[in-house]
Amino acid sequence: MPPATFTVAGNGQSSVSFTVPLGVAFKPESIIAQIDASGAGITTPELSIATQGGVVMATKRQSETIPAGGTGSATWALRLSDEAAAAPAGIQYGVDNVGNWLSIEATGTEPGGYSIALLADDTMSIFAANLLDILAGPVLIHSDDIELLERHLGGSFIVNSGHSLQTYDTTYEVDAVSTVKITGSSMNLQTSGGVTVNKVGAGGNVLTVNNHLGAPIFQVREDGSLHGKTGQTLIFDL
């Protein structure tokens, strides 16, 4: 006996039913529903199978929804896999957001006046295996304690500011295995408690001042002695 098709017209309600006649055995192969949600909210199609007494024996909910005010269809069939739900958009919480690359562009400001605000109640870790490049006009850092560590690759930590770099903090620590380099047209270091330069470990130069070619012109050494460029004199005339 060839398969038979039954069509049930909708009634404008949120559900429609088909009653199997008495004495008839059905082996449904598929069920398809055309859904008009033009006057409804987000709709999730669901199929229910019940006894004549109204006892529900099975239900099957679709994985995809029909948007509010839209139309769509839903199909149920044996051995028909559910369609994969679309990946959630945006940055997700409680999971590792892993992908090929990430680009964030903010075109407005939040109530505090910032375009991008990163707030961590505990600890925030930013790790770049190659290069961390921050491009901005003035860079402002407000913190009780700032610790910049360069211990992973043994390379260098570079701060290059074409405008200004300002920090408001209690403790500012830069810990680099190799080199710490601060580059700018000028550097103004202001402190109310003095400036201290400490050399960790014995031997070597404590403080060296180089000219624009990188050649040393003045040194303060471990024993407290002052050393200047040969042939030059120390002049106090400021």
Foldseek 3Di string as FASTA:
>chain_A
DDDDDDDDDDDPDPDDDDDDDPPDDDDDFKDKDKDFQLPHAKAWDKDWDADPVRHTDDMDIAPDIAHHNGIDMDMDGPPDDGDDDDDDDDDDPPDDPDDDDDDDDFPAADPVRHRDDDDDPPDDDDDDPPDDDDDDAEAEAEEAEAEAEADPPQDEDEAEHAHYYYYHYNYYYYYGNHYYYYDYPDDDDDDPPDDDFDDPDDDDFRDFDADPVRHTAWTQGPVRDIDGDPPDDDDPDD
